[in-house]
Amino acid sequence: MRRSLLFSLLATVVVMAGCPSKPKNGECKTSDDCKEQAGFGKFCVEGRCQECGADTDCQAGFVCRSNKCIPRPECSQDADCGAGKTCQDGRCAAGTSSKIDCESDAQCPSGQACEAGHCAEKAPGGGGCGGEENAAHFGFDRSDLDSDARAALDKVASCLKGGKGGRVVIEGNCDERGTTEYNLHLGERRAESVRRYLVNLGLDPKSVKTTSYGKERPICSESTEECWAKNRRAVVRSEGADRS
């Protein structure tokens, strides 16, 4: 009896030794190991469960970048864009270069102002009321207006209502962190927050438009918190003002 029980225990040990435990906490040997782990990607890439390892792992219209599926970029080089446009952060944008030429008006020739990183002739109309010097700035990943932003916009609204500006466009901008697609949406929310505030102050809703440049038009090029804070902004300009 004892011998039979001993053999049974030994057999159980042998079976358990031959059946290693399944990987967990996002670890894997094959993609099959990922399918049963909730909260992790379904593809095994270098021992970890990831969202993707190749473009074919993503749905149509998306590509795999850093093991994440993101919307397929509009372009990868200038040749993919039409005349007068360049490829900037995966999108075709007007202009010839995303190079930063200036960070303040002091770096531009007399009669010019630093607009979106480039020196341009000072624009009439809304450009005299808004511009970079009266931009509304935002916290990281935020689109609500703080007291400093509201104070800047109060000046812009007063100037515009005083007859110094006509139709204006509000440009939403972000810092370099995050995907192009996400920052375009964040820039839209920031521009819309400014539009609502200006309209509440008495501006004609039909005279105020919004657009978003996401992270395509920084005014500071360094990867520091100080620079990122400068780039997280919404700028009011006269519609059609030259920013090239």
Protein backbone atom coordinates (compact mmCIF):
# COMPACT_ATOMS: atom_id res chain seq x y z
CA MET A 1 0.00 0.00 0.00
CA ARG A 2 2.76 2.37 0.98
CA ARG A 3 4.74 1.41 -2.12
CA SER A 4 1.71 2.14 -4.33
CA LEU A 5 1.23 5.53 -2.70
CA LEU A 6 4.92 6.35 -3.15
CA PHE A 7 4.79 5.49 -6.85
CA SER A 8 1.70 7.69 -7.23
CA LEU A 9 3.42 10.67 -5.60
CA LEU A 10 6.53 10.20 -7.75
CA ALA A 11 4.40 10.08 -10.89
CA THR A 12 2.66 13.31 -9.92
CA VAL A 13 6.00 15.04 -9.37
CA VAL A 14 7.28 13.87 -12.75
CA VAL A 15 4.14 15.11 -14.53
CA MET A 16 4.29 18.49 -12.82
CA ALA A 17 7.98 18.86 -13.66
CA GLY A 18 7.19 18.19 -17.31
CA CYS A 19 4.50 20.91 -17.41
CA PRO A 20 6.15 24.29 -16.83
CA SER A 21 3.91 27.13 -15.64
CA LYS A 22 2.47 29.46 -18.25
CA PRO A 23 4.12 32.88 -18.70
CA LYS A 24 2.35 35.78 -17.02
CA ASN A 25 2.61 39.54 -16.46
CA GLY A 26 3.05 40.22 -20.16
CA GLU A 27 5.89 37.75 -20.65
CA CYS A 28 5.76 35.26 -23.50
CA LYS A 29 7.55 32.76 -25.67
CA THR A 30 4.99 32.73 -28.47
CA SER A 31 1.97 34.86 -29.34
CA ASP A 32 -0.25 32.07 -27.99
CA ASP A 33 1.03 32.94 -24.50
CA CYS A 34 -0.38 36.45 -24.93
CA LYS A 35 -3.89 35.49 -25.92
CA GLU A 36 -4.84 34.46 -22.38
CA GLN A 37 -3.32 37.51 -20.68
CA ALA A 38 -5.77 40.38 -20.33
CA GLY A 39 -4.43 43.91 -20.45
CA PHE A 40 -1.45 43.10 -22.67
CA GLY A 41 -0.89 43.03 -26.42
CA LYS A 42 -1.61 39.86 -28.38
CA PHE A 43 1.70 39.57 -30.21
CA CYS A 44 4.91 38.22 -28.66
CA VAL A 45 7.82 40.52 -29.49
CA GLU A 46 11.20 39.82 -27.88
CA GLY A 47 9.63 38.06 -24.91
CA ARG A 48 6.92 40.65 -24.21
CA CYS A 49 3.26 40.81 -25.23
CA GLN A 50 2.93 43.88 -27.46
CA GLU A 51 0.19 45.50 -29.53
CA CYS A 52 2.14 44.75 -32.70
CA GLY A 53 5.49 43.68 -34.04
CA ALA A 54 4.94 44.50 -37.72
CA ASP A 55 2.57 46.59 -39.84
CA THR A 56 0.60 43.45 -40.74
CA ASP A 57 -0.41 43.09 -37.07
CA CYS A 58 -2.42 46.31 -37.30
CA GLN A 59 -5.78 46.95 -38.91
CA ALA A 60 -6.06 48.61 -42.31
CA GLY A 61 -4.95 52.22 -42.31
CA PHE A 62 -2.55 51.76 -39.38
CA VAL A 63 1.17 50.96 -39.10
CA CYS A 64 3.28 49.56 -36.26
CA ARG A 65 5.65 52.04 -34.61
CA SER A 66 7.43 51.22 -31.31
CA ASN A 67 5.12 48.22 -30.92
CA LYS A 68 2.00 50.44 -31.11
CA CYS A 69 -0.52 50.69 -33.95
CA ILE A 70 -0.85 54.31 -35.08
CA PRO A 71 -2.66 55.88 -38.07
CA ARG A 72 -0.64 55.48 -41.27
CA PRO A 73 1.36 58.71 -41.89
CA GLU A 74 0.24 60.83 -44.81
CA CYS A 75 3.82 60.98 -46.08
CA SER A 76 7.37 59.87 -45.37
CA GLN A 77 9.22 62.33 -47.62
CA ASP A 78 8.57 65.64 -49.39
CA ALA A 79 8.06 63.82 -52.69
CA ASP A 80 4.86 62.27 -51.29
CA CYS A 81 3.27 65.72 -51.01
CA GLY A 82 1.98 68.11 -53.63
CA ALA A 83 3.63 71.26 -54.89
CA GLY A 84 4.32 73.86 -52.22
CA LYS A 85 4.12 71.36 -49.37
CA THR A 86 6.66 69.43 -47.34
CA CYS A 87 6.44 66.30 -45.21
CA GLN A 88 6.50 67.31 -41.54
CA ASP A 89 5.95 64.70 -38.82
CA GLY A 90 4.18 62.40 -41.26
CA ARG A 91 1.79 65.06 -42.60
CA CYS A 92 1.89 67.23 -45.72
CA ALA A 93 2.07 70.84 -44.59
CA ALA A 94 2.31 74.14 -46.40
CA GLY A 95 5.74 75.75 -46.42
CA THR A 96 9.23 74.74 -47.34
CA SER A 97 10.78 73.83 -44.02
CA SER A 98 9.99 73.04 -40.38
CA LYS A 99 13.31 74.58 -39.31
CA ILE A 100 13.07 77.05 -36.42
CA ASP A 101 14.48 80.45 -37.47
CA CYS A 102 13.60 82.43 -34.34
CA GLU A 103 12.18 82.19 -30.85
CA SER A 104 11.36 85.88 -30.24
CA ASP A 105 10.77 89.10 -32.19
CA ALA A 106 14.21 90.34 -31.09
CA GLN A 107 15.83 87.76 -33.39
CA CYS A 108 14.02 89.15 -36.48
CA PRO A 109 14.85 92.18 -38.68
CA SER A 110 13.14 95.50 -38.02
CA GLY A 111 9.49 95.47 -39.07
CA GLN A 112 9.20 91.70 -38.70
CA ALA A 113 7.92 89.48 -35.91
CA CYS A 114 8.65 85.90 -34.94
CA GLU A 115 5.58 83.94 -35.99
CA ALA A 116 5.52 80.17 -35.43
CA GLY A 117 9.31 79.99 -35.46
CA HIS A 118 9.79 82.08 -38.61
CA CYS A 119 10.41 85.80 -39.18
CA ALA A 120 7.53 87.43 -41.05
CA GLU A 121 6.22 90.91 -41.76
CA LYS A 122 4.03 92.10 -38.92
CA ALA A 123 0.48 91.36 -39.97
CA PRO A 124 -2.24 94.01 -39.89
CA GLY A 125 -5.65 93.56 -38.30
CA GLY A 126 -5.93 90.70 -35.80
CA GLY A 127 -2.17 90.24 -35.96
CA GLY A 128 -1.86 93.50 -33.99
CA CYS A 129 -4.25 92.20 -31.33
CA GLY A 130 -3.05 88.64 -30.95
CA GLY A 131 0.13 86.98 -32.13
CA GLU A 132 2.67 85.03 -30.12
CA GLU A 133 3.13 87.76 -27.51
CA ASN A 134 -0.55 87.42 -26.51
CA ALA A 135 -0.79 83.64 -26.86
CA ALA A 136 -2.75 81.58 -24.34
CA HIS A 137 -0.59 78.85 -22.82
CA PHE A 138 -1.69 75.49 -21.44
CA GLY A 139 -0.57 72.88 -18.96
CA PHE A 140 0.69 69.47 -20.11
CA ASP A 141 -2.10 67.54 -21.89
CA ARG A 142 -4.61 70.25 -20.87
CA SER A 143 -6.98 72.37 -22.91
CA ASP A 144 -8.61 74.42 -20.12
CA LEU A 145 -7.71 78.09 -19.63
CA ASP A 146 -5.90 79.18 -16.46
CA SER A 147 -5.89 82.73 -15.07
CA ASP A 148 -2.81 83.77 -17.10
CA ALA A 149 -4.36 82.53 -20.34
CA ARG A 150 -7.63 84.33 -19.62
CA ALA A 151 -5.77 87.55 -18.84
CA ALA A 152 -3.95 87.38 -22.20
CA LEU A 153 -7.21 86.71 -24.04
CA ASP A 154 -8.95 89.58 -22.26
CA LYS A 155 -6.42 91.92 -23.90
CA VAL A 156 -6.93 90.27 -27.30
CA ALA A 157 -10.72 90.55 -27.04
CA SER A 158 -10.56 94.19 -25.98
CA CYS A 159 -8.30 94.98 -28.92
CA LEU A 160 -10.50 93.15 -31.42
CA LYS A 161 -13.70 94.77 -30.13
CA GLY A 162 -11.99 98.13 -30.41
CA GLY A 163 -12.02 97.75 -34.18
CA LYS A 164 -8.37 96.77 -34.62
CA GLY A 165 -9.15 93.34 -35.99
CA GLY A 166 -11.65 91.66 -38.29
CA ARG A 167 -11.98 87.95 -38.90
CA VAL A 168 -9.49 85.89 -36.94
CA VAL A 169 -8.27 82.31 -36.78
CA ILE A 170 -7.13 80.62 -33.57
CA GLU A 171 -4.20 78.24 -33.98
CA GLY A 172 -3.88 75.40 -31.47
CA ASN A 173 -0.34 74.11 -30.82
CA CYS A 174 1.31 71.41 -28.69
CA ASP A 175 4.76 70.35 -27.56
CA GLU A 176 6.69 67.56 -29.28
CA ARG A 177 5.57 64.72 -27.02
CA GLY A 178 2.86 62.31 -28.18
CA THR A 179 1.79 61.17 -31.63
CA THR A 180 1.02 63.54 -34.48
CA GLU A 181 -2.61 62.43 -34.54
CA TYR A 182 -3.12 62.91 -30.80
CA ASN A 183 -1.54 66.37 -30.81
CA LEU A 184 -3.70 67.52 -33.71
CA HIS A 185 -6.81 66.67 -31.68
CA LEU A 186 -5.34 68.30 -28.56
CA GLY A 187 -4.54 71.44 -30.55
CA GLU A 188 -8.14 71.51 -31.78
CA ARG A 189 -9.44 71.38 -28.20
CA ARG A 190 -7.14 74.20 -27.15
CA ALA A 191 -8.18 76.41 -30.06
CA GLU A 192 -11.84 75.69 -29.33
CA SER A 193 -11.40 76.66 -25.66
CA VAL A 194 -10.03 80.02 -26.77
CA ARG A 195 -12.82 80.49 -29.33
CA ARG A 196 -15.51 79.89 -26.71
CA TYR A 197 -13.85 82.33 -24.32
CA LEU A 198 -13.58 85.09 -26.92
CA VAL A 199 -17.17 84.59 -28.04
CA ASN A 200 -18.32 84.79 -24.42
CA LEU A 201 -16.50 88.12 -24.21
CA GLY A 202 -18.61 89.47 -27.06
CA LEU A 203 -16.84 88.55 -30.31
CA ASP A 204 -19.03 87.57 -33.25
CA PRO A 205 -18.89 83.74 -33.52
CA LYS A 206 -18.92 84.06 -37.32
CA SER A 207 -15.67 86.07 -37.23
CA VAL A 208 -13.71 83.48 -35.22
CA LYS A 209 -12.36 80.27 -36.75
CA THR A 210 -10.08 77.57 -35.36
CA THR A 211 -7.35 75.31 -36.69
CA SER A 212 -4.75 72.98 -35.23
CA TYR A 213 -1.09 72.53 -36.07
CA GLY A 214 -0.47 69.94 -33.36
CA LYS A 215 3.27 69.78 -32.81
CA GLU A 216 4.21 70.97 -36.32
CA ARG A 217 4.91 74.63 -35.47
CA PRO A 218 7.00 74.90 -32.29
CA ILE A 219 8.52 78.24 -31.36
CA CYS A 220 11.19 76.60 -29.19
CA SER A 221 13.21 73.63 -30.42
CA GLU A 222 14.84 72.22 -27.28
CA SER A 223 13.49 69.11 -25.52
CA THR A 224 13.12 70.82 -22.13
CA GLU A 225 10.12 71.62 -19.94
CA GLU A 226 10.73 75.33 -20.47
CA CYS A 227 10.52 74.93 -24.24
CA TRP A 228 7.56 72.55 -24.08
CA ALA A 229 5.66 75.10 -21.98
CA LYS A 230 6.25 77.75 -24.67
CA ASN A 231 4.98 75.45 -27.41
CA ARG A 232 1.75 74.48 -25.60
CA ARG A 233 -0.25 77.47 -26.80
CA ALA A 234 -3.14 78.88 -28.82
CA VAL A 235 -2.47 81.96 -30.95
CA VAL A 236 -5.03 84.42 -32.31
CA ARG A 237 -4.19 85.84 -35.74
CA SER A 238 -5.96 87.81 -38.43
CA GLU A 239 -7.33 85.41 -41.03
CA GLY A 240 -4.89 85.10 -43.92
CA ALA A 241 -1.95 86.62 -42.04
CA ASP A 242 1.40 85.54 -43.53
CA ARG A 243 3.32 83.19 -41.20
CA SER A 244 5.90 81.86 -43.67
